[in-house]
């Protein structure tokens, strides 16, 4: 069985405890590989195929920036810097949580 861990390093402690459930572990965090059992983990970054996930840029949008994913504190800090450096409209940028139930507006 293969496990693809997409929440490292934030859930690394739990993932290390559960690595025995898998024959091979893939992680999106390069620094997590040496923390796993020797030979158990491989680095596999997230990617998307242009042929499957291409959306043309529209001239008008409801929001300036939207990131879908968990609003970890480090991500929110990075996002605030992005919004500030690109002068994005206040309150027009946000994170949508993994289940769509935790929205964090950035101003």
PDB file of N, CA and C in Angstrom:
ATOM      1  N   UNK A   1       0.846  -1.160   0.000  1.00  0.00           N
ATOM      2  CA  UNK A   1       0.000   0.000   0.000  1.00  0.00           C
ATOM      3  C   UNK A   1       0.905   1.242   0.000  1.00  0.00           C
ATOM      4  N   UNK A   2       0.448   2.288  -0.681  1.00  0.00           N
ATOM      5  CA  UNK A   2       1.203   3.533  -0.802  1.00  0.00           C
ATOM      6  C   UNK A   2       0.460   4.642  -0.073  1.00  0.00           C
ATOM      7  N   UNK A   3       1.193   5.492   0.649  1.00  0.00           N
ATOM      8  CA  UNK A   3       0.619   6.668   1.289  1.00  0.00           C
ATOM      9  C   UNK A   3       1.237   7.923   0.702  1.00  0.00           C
ATOM     10  N   UNK A   4       0.395   8.889   0.337  1.00  0.00           N
ATOM     11  CA  UNK A   4       0.900  10.181  -0.159  1.00  0.00           C
ATOM     12  C   UNK A   4       0.526  11.227   0.871  1.00  0.00           C
ATOM     13  N   UNK A   5       1.528  11.716   1.583  1.00  0.00           N
ATOM     14  CA  UNK A   5       1.329  12.647   2.696  1.00  0.00           C
ATOM     15  C   UNK A   5       1.444  14.072   2.185  1.00  0.00           C
ATOM     16  N   UNK A   6       0.338  14.782   2.177  1.00  0.00           N
ATOM     17  CA  UNK A   6       0.322  16.146   1.626  1.00  0.00           C
ATOM     18  C   UNK A   6       0.280  17.223   2.701  1.00  0.00           C
ATOM     19  N   UNK A   7       0.307  16.849   3.973  1.00  0.00           N
ATOM     20  CA  UNK A   7       0.241  17.843   5.052  1.00  0.00           C
ATOM     21  C   UNK A   7       1.527  17.934   5.865  1.00  0.00           C
ATOM     22  N   UNK A   8       2.615  17.329   5.365  1.00  0.00           N
ATOM     23  CA  UNK A   8       3.910  17.520   6.022  1.00  0.00           C
ATOM     24  C   UNK A   8       4.374  18.942   5.729  1.00  0.00           C
ATOM     25  N   UNK A   9       5.043  19.611   6.601  1.00  0.00           N
ATOM     26  CA  UNK A   9       5.532  19.169   7.903  1.00  0.00           C
ATOM     27  C   UNK A   9       4.535  19.360   9.037  1.00  0.00           C
ATOM     28  N   UNK A  10       3.358  19.901   8.749  1.00  0.00           N
ATOM     29  CA  UNK A  10       2.403  20.245   9.803  1.00  0.00           C
ATOM     30  C   UNK A  10       1.873  19.031  10.550  1.00  0.00           C
ATOM     31  N   UNK A  11       1.742  17.906   9.890  1.00  0.00           N
ATOM     32  CA  UNK A  11       1.254  16.690  10.531  1.00  0.00           C
ATOM     33  C   UNK A  11       2.331  15.597  10.552  1.00  0.00           C
ATOM     34  N   UNK A  12       3.587  16.029  10.526  1.00  0.00           N
ATOM     35  CA  UNK A  12       4.706  15.082  10.466  1.00  0.00           C
ATOM     36  C   UNK A  12       4.695  14.113  11.632  1.00  0.00           C
ATOM     37  N   UNK A  13       4.443  14.582  12.834  1.00  0.00           N
ATOM     38  CA  UNK A  13       4.456  13.706  14.015  1.00  0.00           C
ATOM     39  C   UNK A  13       3.473  12.543  13.836  1.00  0.00           C
ATOM     40  N   UNK A  14       2.256  12.843  13.426  1.00  0.00           N
ATOM     41  CA  UNK A  14       1.241  11.810  13.204  1.00  0.00           C
ATOM     42  C   UNK A  14       1.623  10.907  12.039  1.00  0.00           C
ATOM     43  N   UNK A  15       2.142  11.507  10.962  1.00  0.00           N
ATOM     44  CA  UNK A  15       2.529  10.716   9.795  1.00  0.00           C
ATOM     45  C   UNK A  15       3.668   9.747  10.117  1.00  0.00           C
ATOM     46  N   UNK A  16       4.600  10.170  10.953  1.00  0.00           N
ATOM     47  CA  UNK A  16       5.682   9.272  11.360  1.00  0.00           C
ATOM     48  C   UNK A  16       5.143   8.097  12.169  1.00  0.00           C
ATOM     49  N   UNK A  17       4.158   8.351  12.994  1.00  0.00           N
ATOM     50  CA  UNK A  17       3.555   7.281  13.791  1.00  0.00           C
ATOM     51  C   UNK A  17       2.818   6.275  12.900  1.00  0.00           C
ATOM     52  N   UNK A  18       2.281   6.742  11.780  1.00  0.00           N
ATOM     53  CA  UNK A  18       1.466   5.896  10.910  1.00  0.00           C
ATOM     54  C   UNK A  18       2.211   5.317   9.710  1.00  0.00           C
ATOM     55  N   UNK A  19       3.502   5.589   9.584  1.00  0.00           N
ATOM     56  CA  UNK A  19       4.215   5.148   8.386  1.00  0.00           C
ATOM     57  C   UNK A  19       4.264   3.634   8.225  1.00  0.00           C
ATOM     58  N   UNK A  20       4.122   2.884   9.303  1.00  0.00           N
ATOM     59  CA  UNK A  20       4.133   1.422   9.200  1.00  0.00           C
ATOM     60  C   UNK A  20       2.888   0.875   8.493  1.00  0.00           C
ATOM     61  N   UNK A  21       1.878   1.702   8.307  1.00  0.00           N
ATOM     62  CA  UNK A  21       0.675   1.272   7.599  1.00  0.00           C
ATOM     63  C   UNK A  21       0.924   1.126   6.095  1.00  0.00           C
ATOM     64  N   UNK A  22       2.027   1.703   5.610  1.00  0.00           N
ATOM     65  CA  UNK A  22       2.296   1.754   4.176  1.00  0.00           C
ATOM     66  C   UNK A  22       3.588   1.017   3.825  1.00  0.00           C
ATOM     67  N   UNK A  23       3.627   0.496   2.604  1.00  0.00           N
ATOM     68  CA  UNK A  23       4.858  -0.087   2.087  1.00  0.00           C
ATOM     69  C   UNK A  23       5.818   1.008   1.643  1.00  0.00           C
ATOM     70  N   UNK A  24       5.260   2.048   1.030  1.00  0.00           N
ATOM     71  CA  UNK A  24       6.024   3.193   0.543  1.00  0.00           C
ATOM     72  C   UNK A  24       5.260   4.455   0.914  1.00  0.00           C
ATOM     73  N   UNK A  25       5.995   5.500   1.283  1.00  0.00           N
ATOM     74  CA  UNK A  25       5.387   6.778   1.627  1.00  0.00           C
ATOM     75  C   UNK A  25       5.936   7.850   0.698  1.00  0.00           C
ATOM     76  N   UNK A  26       5.037   8.631   0.125  1.00  0.00           N
ATOM     77  CA  UNK A  26       5.420   9.817  -0.634  1.00  0.00           C
ATOM     78  C   UNK A  26       5.020  11.035   0.185  1.00  0.00           C
ATOM     79  N   UNK A  27       5.873  12.046   0.207  1.00  0.00           N
ATOM     80  CA  UNK A  27       5.588  13.263   0.942  1.00  0.00           C
ATOM     81  C   UNK A  27       5.856  14.480   0.060  1.00  0.00           C
ATOM     82  N   UNK A  28       5.082  15.518   0.281  1.00  0.00           N
ATOM     83  CA  UNK A  28       5.273  16.757  -0.471  1.00  0.00           C
ATOM     84  C   UNK A  28       6.319  17.660   0.177  1.00  0.00           C
ATOM     85  N   UNK A  29       6.897  17.200   1.277  1.00  0.00           N
ATOM     86  CA  UNK A  29       7.899  17.990   2.007  1.00  0.00           C
ATOM     87  C   UNK A  29       9.245  17.270   1.968  1.00  0.00           C
ATOM     88  N   UNK A  30      10.185  17.837   1.224  1.00  0.00           N
ATOM     89  CA  UNK A  30      11.503  17.209   1.052  1.00  0.00           C
ATOM     90  C   UNK A  30      12.191  16.945   2.396  1.00  0.00           C
ATOM     91  N   UNK A  31      12.057  17.868   3.345  1.00  0.00           N
ATOM     92  CA  UNK A  31      12.750  17.719   4.632  1.00  0.00           C
ATOM     93  C   UNK A  31      12.154  16.601   5.499  1.00  0.00           C
ATOM     94  N   UNK A  32      10.998  16.070   5.142  1.00  0.00           N
ATOM     95  CA  UNK A  32      10.387  14.991   5.918  1.00  0.00           C
ATOM     96  C   UNK A  32      10.970  13.625   5.561  1.00  0.00           C
ATOM     97  N   UNK A  33      11.552  13.491   4.380  1.00  0.00           N
ATOM     98  CA  UNK A  33      12.059  12.193   3.913  1.00  0.00           C
ATOM     99  C   UNK A  33      13.068  11.582   4.886  1.00  0.00           C
ATOM    100  N   UNK A  34      14.105  12.310   5.325  1.00  0.00           N
ATOM    101  CA  UNK A  34      15.071  11.678   6.233  1.00  0.00           C
ATOM    102  C   UNK A  34      14.517  11.369   7.622  1.00  0.00           C
ATOM    103  N   UNK A  35      13.375  11.920   7.966  1.00  0.00           N
ATOM    104  CA  UNK A  35      12.766  11.644   9.272  1.00  0.00           C
ATOM    105  C   UNK A  35      12.051  10.293   9.294  1.00  0.00           C
ATOM    106  N   UNK A  36      11.713   9.781   8.111  1.00  0.00           N
ATOM    107  CA  UNK A  36      11.022   8.492   8.002  1.00  0.00           C
ATOM    108  C   UNK A  36      12.020   7.345   8.114  1.00  0.00           C
ATOM    109  N   UNK A  37      11.497   6.126   8.207  1.00  0.00           N
ATOM    110  CA  UNK A  37      12.351   4.946   8.251  1.00  0.00           C
ATOM    111  C   UNK A  37      13.211   4.913   6.990  1.00  0.00           C
ATOM    112  N   UNK A  38      14.466   4.451   7.106  1.00  0.00           N
ATOM    113  CA  UNK A  38      15.361   4.414   5.942  1.00  0.00           C
ATOM    114  C   UNK A  38      14.738   3.679   4.753  1.00  0.00           C
ATOM    115  N   UNK A  39      14.747   4.322   3.600  1.00  0.00           N
ATOM    116  CA  UNK A  39      14.224   3.734   2.379  1.00  0.00           C
ATOM    117  C   UNK A  39      12.713   3.732   2.252  1.00  0.00           C
ATOM    118  N   UNK A  40      12.015   4.244   3.256  1.00  0.00           N
ATOM    119  CA  UNK A  40      10.547   4.184   3.274  1.00  0.00           C
ATOM    120  C   UNK A  40       9.900   5.310   2.474  1.00  0.00           C
ATOM    121  N   UNK A  41      10.483   6.513   2.521  1.00  0.00           N
ATOM    122  CA  UNK A  41       9.822   7.694   1.960  1.00  0.00           C
ATOM    123  C   UNK A  41      10.541   8.246   0.739  1.00  0.00           C
ATOM    124  N   UNK A  42       9.756   8.835  -0.131  1.00  0.00           N
ATOM    125  CA  UNK A  42      10.259   9.517  -1.327  1.00  0.00           C
ATOM    126  C   UNK A  42       9.584  10.877  -1.411  1.00  0.00           C
ATOM    127  N   UNK A  43      10.301  11.841  -1.968  1.00  0.00           N
ATOM    128  CA  UNK A  43       9.763  13.186  -2.184  1.00  0.00           C
ATOM    129  C   UNK A  43       8.926  13.191  -3.458  1.00  0.00           C
ATOM    130  N   UNK A  44       7.670  13.630  -3.371  1.00  0.00           N
ATOM    131  CA  UNK A  44       6.782  13.712  -4.529  1.00  0.00           C
ATOM    132  C   UNK A  44       5.994  15.018  -4.424  1.00  0.00           C
ATOM    133  N   UNK A  45       6.482  16.066  -5.071  1.00  0.00           N
ATOM    134  CA  UNK A  45       5.789  17.358  -4.975  1.00  0.00           C
ATOM    135  C   UNK A  45       4.450  17.324  -5.701  1.00  0.00           C
ATOM    136  N   UNK A  46       3.563  18.216  -5.293  1.00  0.00           N
ATOM    137  CA  UNK A  46       2.276  18.337  -5.975  1.00  0.00           C
ATOM    138  C   UNK A  46       2.494  18.996  -7.339  1.00  0.00           C
ATOM    139  N   UNK A  47       1.772  18.520  -8.307  1.00  0.00           N
ATOM    140  CA  UNK A  47       1.840  19.074  -9.657  1.00  0.00           C
ATOM    141  C   UNK A  47       0.453  19.012 -10.282  1.00  0.00           C
ATOM    142  N   UNK A  48       0.296  19.696 -11.387  1.00  0.00           N
ATOM    143  CA  UNK A  48      -0.954  19.650 -12.138  1.00  0.00           C
ATOM    144  C   UNK A  48      -0.638  19.584 -13.624  1.00  0.00           C
ATOM    145  N   UNK A  49      -1.477  18.919 -14.355  1.00  0.00           N
ATOM    146  CA  UNK A  49      -1.312  18.803 -15.797  1.00  0.00           C
ATOM    147  C   UNK A  49      -2.062  19.928 -16.487  1.00  0.00           C
ATOM    148  N   UNK A  50      -1.387  20.669 -17.364  1.00  0.00           N
ATOM    149  CA  UNK A  50      -2.054  21.740 -18.100  1.00  0.00           C
ATOM    150  C   UNK A  50      -3.219  21.213 -18.934  1.00  0.00           C
ATOM    151  N   UNK A  51      -3.092  19.978 -19.422  1.00  0.00           N
ATOM    152  CA  UNK A  51      -4.168  19.431 -20.241  1.00  0.00           C
ATOM    153  C   UNK A  51      -5.418  19.107 -19.416  1.00  0.00           C
ATOM    154  N   UNK A  52      -5.248  18.902 -18.112  1.00  0.00           N
ATOM    155  CA  UNK A  52      -6.381  18.582 -17.251  1.00  0.00           C
ATOM    156  C   UNK A  52      -6.833  19.744 -16.372  1.00  0.00           C
ATOM    157  N   UNK A  53      -5.918  20.638 -16.037  1.00  0.00           N
ATOM    158  CA  UNK A  53      -6.194  21.678 -15.044  1.00  0.00           C
ATOM    159  C   UNK A  53      -5.919  23.086 -15.562  1.00  0.00           C
ATOM    160  N   UNK A  54      -6.120  23.328 -16.829  1.00  0.00           N
ATOM    161  CA  UNK A  54      -5.836  24.656 -17.362  1.00  0.00           C
ATOM    162  C   UNK A  54      -7.109  25.486 -17.397  1.00  0.00           C
ATOM    163  N   UNK A  55      -7.035  26.666 -16.803  1.00  0.00           N
ATOM    164  CA  UNK A  55      -8.157  27.590 -16.824  1.00  0.00           C
ATOM    165  C   UNK A  55      -7.647  28.931 -17.334  1.00  0.00           C
ATOM    166  N   UNK A  56      -8.197  29.423 -18.436  1.00  0.00           N
ATOM    167  CA  UNK A  56      -7.721  30.697 -18.973  1.00  0.00           C
ATOM    168  C   UNK A  56      -7.973  31.845 -17.988  1.00  0.00           C
ATOM    169  N   UNK A  57      -7.127  32.848 -18.032  1.00  0.00           N
ATOM    170  CA  UNK A  57      -7.266  34.011 -17.166  1.00  0.00           C
ATOM    171  C   UNK A  57      -8.462  34.827 -17.632  1.00  0.00           C
ATOM    172  N   UNK A  58      -9.310  35.198 -16.681  1.00  0.00           N
ATOM    173  CA  UNK A  58     -10.487  36.006 -17.018  1.00  0.00           C
ATOM    174  C   UNK A  58     -10.178  37.476 -16.756  1.00  0.00           C
ATOM    175  N   UNK A  59     -10.880  38.335 -17.446  1.00  0.00           N
ATOM    176  CA  UNK A  59     -10.684  39.776 -17.262  1.00  0.00           C
ATOM    177  C   UNK A  59     -11.276  40.275 -15.956  1.00  0.00           C
ATOM    178  N   UNK A  60     -12.342  39.659 -15.483  1.00  0.00           N
ATOM    179  CA  UNK A  60     -12.954  40.106 -14.230  1.00  0.00           C
ATOM    180  C   UNK A  60     -13.180  38.905 -13.318  1.00  0.00           C
ATOM    181  N   UNK A  61     -12.927  39.101 -12.040  1.00  0.00           N
ATOM    182  CA  UNK A  61     -13.083  38.039 -11.050  1.00  0.00           C
ATOM    183  C   UNK A  61     -13.754  38.597  -9.813  1.00  0.00           C
ATOM    184  N   UNK A  62     -14.354  37.707  -9.022  1.00  0.00           N
ATOM    185  CA  UNK A  62     -14.984  38.135  -7.775  1.00  0.00           C
ATOM    186  C   UNK A  62     -13.948  38.488  -6.718  1.00  0.00           C
ATOM    187  N   UNK A  63     -12.794  37.811  -6.745  1.00  0.00           N
ATOM    188  CA  UNK A  63     -11.781  38.004  -5.719  1.00  0.00           C
ATOM    189  C   UNK A  63     -10.424  38.231  -6.374  1.00  0.00           C
ATOM    190  N   UNK A  64      -9.570  38.948  -5.661  1.00  0.00           N
ATOM    191  CA  UNK A  64      -8.214  39.171  -6.163  1.00  0.00           C
ATOM    192  C   UNK A  64      -7.358  37.920  -6.002  1.00  0.00           C
ATOM    193  N   UNK A  65      -7.422  37.295  -4.817  1.00  0.00           N
ATOM    194  CA  UNK A  65      -6.627  36.104  -4.530  1.00  0.00           C
ATOM    195  C   UNK A  65      -7.461  35.163  -3.669  1.00  0.00           C
ATOM    196  N   UNK A  66      -7.439  33.879  -4.003  1.00  0.00           N
ATOM    197  CA  UNK A  66      -8.103  32.859  -3.196  1.00  0.00           C
ATOM    198  C   UNK A  66      -7.194  31.635  -3.165  1.00  0.00           C
ATOM    199  N   UNK A  67      -6.925  31.127  -1.979  1.00  0.00           N
ATOM    200  CA  UNK A  67      -6.125  29.922  -1.834  1.00  0.00           C
ATOM    201  C   UNK A  67      -6.994  28.879  -1.142  1.00  0.00           C
ATOM    202  N   UNK A  68      -7.114  27.723  -1.763  1.00  0.00           N
ATOM    203  CA  UNK A  68      -7.872  26.624  -1.171  1.00  0.00           C
ATOM    204  C   UNK A  68      -6.902  25.710  -0.443  1.00  0.00           C
ATOM    205  N   UNK A  69      -7.111  25.527   0.829  1.00  0.00           N
ATOM    206  CA  UNK A  69      -6.235  24.690   1.639  1.00  0.00           C
ATOM    207  C   UNK A  69      -6.295  25.134   3.083  1.00  0.00           C
ATOM    208  N   UNK A  70      -5.587  24.463   3.918  1.00  0.00           N
ATOM    209  CA  UNK A  70      -5.579  24.780   5.339  1.00  0.00           C
ATOM    210  C   UNK A  70      -4.812  26.073   5.584  1.00  0.00           C
ATOM    211  N   UNK A  71      -5.395  26.959   6.369  1.00  0.00           N
ATOM    212  CA  UNK A  71      -4.778  28.252   6.668  1.00  0.00           C
ATOM    213  C   UNK A  71      -3.827  28.116   7.857  1.00  0.00           C
ATOM    214  N   UNK A  72      -2.732  27.385   7.663  1.00  0.00           N
ATOM    215  CA  UNK A  72      -1.719  27.251   8.705  1.00  0.00           C
ATOM    216  C   UNK A  72      -1.127  28.639   8.969  1.00  0.00           C
ATOM    217  N   UNK A  73      -0.691  28.914  10.201  1.00  0.00           N
ATOM    218  CA  UNK A  73      -0.168  30.251  10.531  1.00  0.00           C
ATOM    219  C   UNK A  73       0.927  30.732   9.582  1.00  0.00           C
ATOM    220  N   UNK A  74       1.837  29.838   9.184  1.00  0.00           N
ATOM    221  CA  UNK A  74       2.913  30.245   8.275  1.00  0.00           C
ATOM    222  C   UNK A  74       2.357  30.641   6.907  1.00  0.00           C
ATOM    223  N   UNK A  75       1.328  29.931   6.453  1.00  0.00           N
ATOM    224  CA  UNK A  75       0.709  30.267   5.172  1.00  0.00           C
ATOM    225  C   UNK A  75      -0.018  31.597   5.236  1.00  0.00           C
ATOM    226  N   UNK A  76      -0.708  31.844   6.346  1.00  0.00           N
ATOM    227  CA  UNK A  76      -1.412  33.117   6.504  1.00  0.00           C
ATOM    228  C   UNK A  76      -0.412  34.267   6.523  1.00  0.00           C
ATOM    229  N   UNK A  77       0.711  34.115   7.227  1.00  0.00           N
ATOM    230  CA  UNK A  77       1.752  35.152   7.250  1.00  0.00           C
ATOM    231  C   UNK A  77       2.281  35.421   5.843  1.00  0.00           C
ATOM    232  N   UNK A  78       2.577  34.350   5.102  1.00  0.00           N
ATOM    233  CA  UNK A  78       3.055  34.490   3.721  1.00  0.00           C
ATOM    234  C   UNK A  78       2.010  35.176   2.849  1.00  0.00           C
ATOM    235  N   UNK A  79       0.758  34.783   3.034  1.00  0.00           N
ATOM    236  CA  UNK A  79      -0.330  35.337   2.239  1.00  0.00           C
ATOM    237  C   UNK A  79      -0.507  36.832   2.515  1.00  0.00           C
ATOM    238  N   UNK A  80      -0.391  37.226   3.784  1.00  0.00           N
ATOM    239  CA  UNK A  80      -0.495  38.650   4.125  1.00  0.00           C
ATOM    240  C   UNK A  80       0.613  39.458   3.437  1.00  0.00           C
ATOM    241  N   UNK A  81       1.823  38.905   3.392  1.00  0.00           N
ATOM    242  CA  UNK A  81       2.930  39.577   2.703  1.00  0.00           C
ATOM    243  C   UNK A  81       2.633  39.700   1.215  1.00  0.00           C
ATOM    244  N   UNK A  82       2.084  38.652   0.632  1.00  0.00           N
ATOM    245  CA  UNK A  82       1.722  38.682  -0.784  1.00  0.00           C
ATOM    246  C   UNK A  82       0.684  39.762  -1.060  1.00  0.00           C
ATOM    247  N   UNK A  83      -0.370  39.788  -0.257  1.00  0.00           N
ATOM    248  CA  UNK A  83      -1.439  40.769  -0.425  1.00  0.00           C
ATOM    249  C   UNK A  83      -0.890  42.188  -0.297  1.00  0.00           C
ATOM    250  N   UNK A  84      -0.031  42.400   0.691  1.00  0.00           N
ATOM    251  CA  UNK A  84       0.533  43.729   0.910  1.00  0.00           C
ATOM    252  C   UNK A  84       1.451  44.144  -0.242  1.00  0.00           C
ATOM    253  N   UNK A  85       2.311  43.246  -0.694  1.00  0.00           N
ATOM    254  CA  UNK A  85       3.282  43.612  -1.724  1.00  0.00           C
ATOM    255  C   UNK A  85       2.640  43.835  -3.084  1.00  0.00           C
ATOM    256  N   UNK A  86       1.483  43.215  -3.340  1.00  0.00           N
ATOM    257  CA  UNK A  86       0.819  43.406  -4.627  1.00  0.00           C
ATOM    258  C   UNK A  86      -0.379  44.352  -4.533  1.00  0.00           C
ATOM    259  N   UNK A  87      -0.547  44.968  -3.375  1.00  0.00           N
ATOM    260  CA  UNK A  87      -1.605  45.955  -3.158  1.00  0.00           C
ATOM    261  C   UNK A  87      -2.984  45.417  -3.543  1.00  0.00           C
ATOM    262  N   UNK A  88      -3.284  44.255  -3.023  1.00  0.00           N
ATOM    263  CA  UNK A  88      -4.571  43.625  -3.276  1.00  0.00           C
ATOM    264  C   UNK A  88      -5.628  44.338  -2.448  1.00  0.00           C
ATOM    265  N   UNK A  89      -6.832  44.453  -2.979  1.00  0.00           N
ATOM    266  CA  UNK A  89      -7.921  45.133  -2.281  1.00  0.00           C
ATOM    267  C   UNK A  89      -8.172  44.504  -0.915  1.00  0.00           C
ATOM    268  N   UNK A  90      -8.370  45.335   0.087  1.00  0.00           N
ATOM    269  CA  UNK A  90      -8.600  44.875   1.448  1.00  0.00           C
ATOM    270  C   UNK A  90      -9.873  44.028   1.517  1.00  0.00           C
ATOM    271  N   UNK A  91      -9.791  42.875   2.185  1.00  0.00           N
ATOM    272  CA  UNK A  91     -10.933  41.993   2.356  1.00  0.00           C
ATOM    273  C   UNK A  91     -11.334  41.240   1.098  1.00  0.00           C
ATOM    274  N   UNK A  92     -10.539  41.339   0.046  1.00  0.00           N
ATOM    275  CA  UNK A  92     -10.884  40.694  -1.207  1.00  0.00           C
ATOM    276  C   UNK A  92      -9.981  39.486  -1.477  1.00  0.00           C
ATOM    277  N   UNK A  93      -9.416  38.914  -0.413  1.00  0.00           N
ATOM    278  CA  UNK A  93      -8.527  37.765  -0.512  1.00  0.00           C
ATOM    279  C   UNK A  93      -8.792  36.846   0.675  1.00  0.00           C
ATOM    280  N   UNK A  94      -8.763  35.541   0.432  1.00  0.00           N
ATOM    281  CA  UNK A  94      -9.053  34.629   1.534  1.00  0.00           C
ATOM    282  C   UNK A  94      -8.580  33.215   1.260  1.00  0.00           C
ATOM    283  N   UNK A  95      -8.516  32.425   2.336  1.00  0.00           N
ATOM    284  CA  UNK A  95      -8.282  30.987   2.281  1.00  0.00           C
ATOM    285  C   UNK A  95      -9.643  30.305   2.399  1.00  0.00           C
ATOM    286  N   UNK A  96      -9.836  29.228   1.671  1.00  0.00           N
ATOM    287  CA  UNK A  96     -10.998  28.371   1.857  1.00  0.00           C
ATOM    288  C   UNK A  96     -10.474  27.084   2.466  1.00  0.00           C
ATOM    289  N   UNK A  97     -11.042  26.682   3.586  1.00  0.00           N
ATOM    290  CA  UNK A  97     -10.584  25.481   4.285  1.00  0.00           C
ATOM    291  C   UNK A  97     -10.793  24.209   3.492  1.00  0.00           C
ATOM    292  N   UNK A  98     -10.222  23.101   3.959  1.00  0.00           N
ATOM    293  CA  UNK A  98     -10.257  21.837   3.221  1.00  0.00           C
ATOM    294  C   UNK A  98     -11.664  21.340   2.913  1.00  0.00           C
ATOM    295  N   UNK A  99     -12.616  21.649   3.757  1.00  0.00           N
ATOM    296  CA  UNK A  99     -13.987  21.200   3.520  1.00  0.00           C
ATOM    297  C   UNK A  99     -14.897  22.382   3.173  1.00  0.00           C
ATOM    298  N   UNK A 100     -14.293  23.536   2.917  1.00  0.00           N
ATOM    299  CA  UNK A 100     -15.072  24.723   2.585  1.00  0.00           C
ATOM    300  C   UNK A 100     -15.744  25.349   3.800  1.00  0.00           C
ATOM    301  N   UNK A 101     -15.404  24.855   4.999  1.00  0.00           N
ATOM    302  CA  UNK A 101     -16.092  25.326   6.190  1.00  0.00           C
ATOM    303  C   UNK A 101     -15.263  26.273   7.061  1.00  0.00           C
ATOM    304  N   UNK A 102     -14.061  26.591   6.642  1.00  0.00           N
ATOM    305  CA  UNK A 102     -13.244  27.496   7.449  1.00  0.00           C
ATOM    306  C   UNK A 102     -12.593  28.533   6.532  1.00  0.00           C
ATOM    307  N   UNK A 103     -13.267  29.645   6.399  1.00  0.00           N
ATOM    308  CA  UNK A 103     -12.773  30.707   5.527  1.00  0.00           C
ATOM    309  C   UNK A 103     -12.057  31.741   6.369  1.00  0.00           C
ATOM    310  N   UNK A 104     -10.844  32.122   5.950  1.00  0.00           N
ATOM    311  CA  UNK A 104     -10.055  33.137   6.639  1.00  0.00           C
ATOM    312  C   UNK A 104      -9.857  34.287   5.668  1.00  0.00           C
ATOM    313  N   UNK A 105     -10.439  35.436   5.978  1.00  0.00           N
ATOM    314  CA  UNK A 105     -10.274  36.613   5.126  1.00  0.00           C
ATOM    315  C   UNK A 105      -8.999  37.339   5.499  1.00  0.00           C
ATOM    316  N   UNK A 106      -8.265  37.784   4.508  1.00  0.00           N
ATOM    317  CA  UNK A 106      -6.997  38.460   4.718  1.00  0.00           C
ATOM    318  C   UNK A 106      -7.172  39.927   4.351  1.00  0.00           C
ATOM    319  N   UNK A 107      -6.761  40.782   5.263  1.00  0.00           N
ATOM    320  CA  UNK A 107      -6.846  42.221   4.962  1.00  0.00           C
ATOM    321  C   UNK A 107      -5.530  42.891   5.276  1.00  0.00           C
TER     322      UNK A 107
END
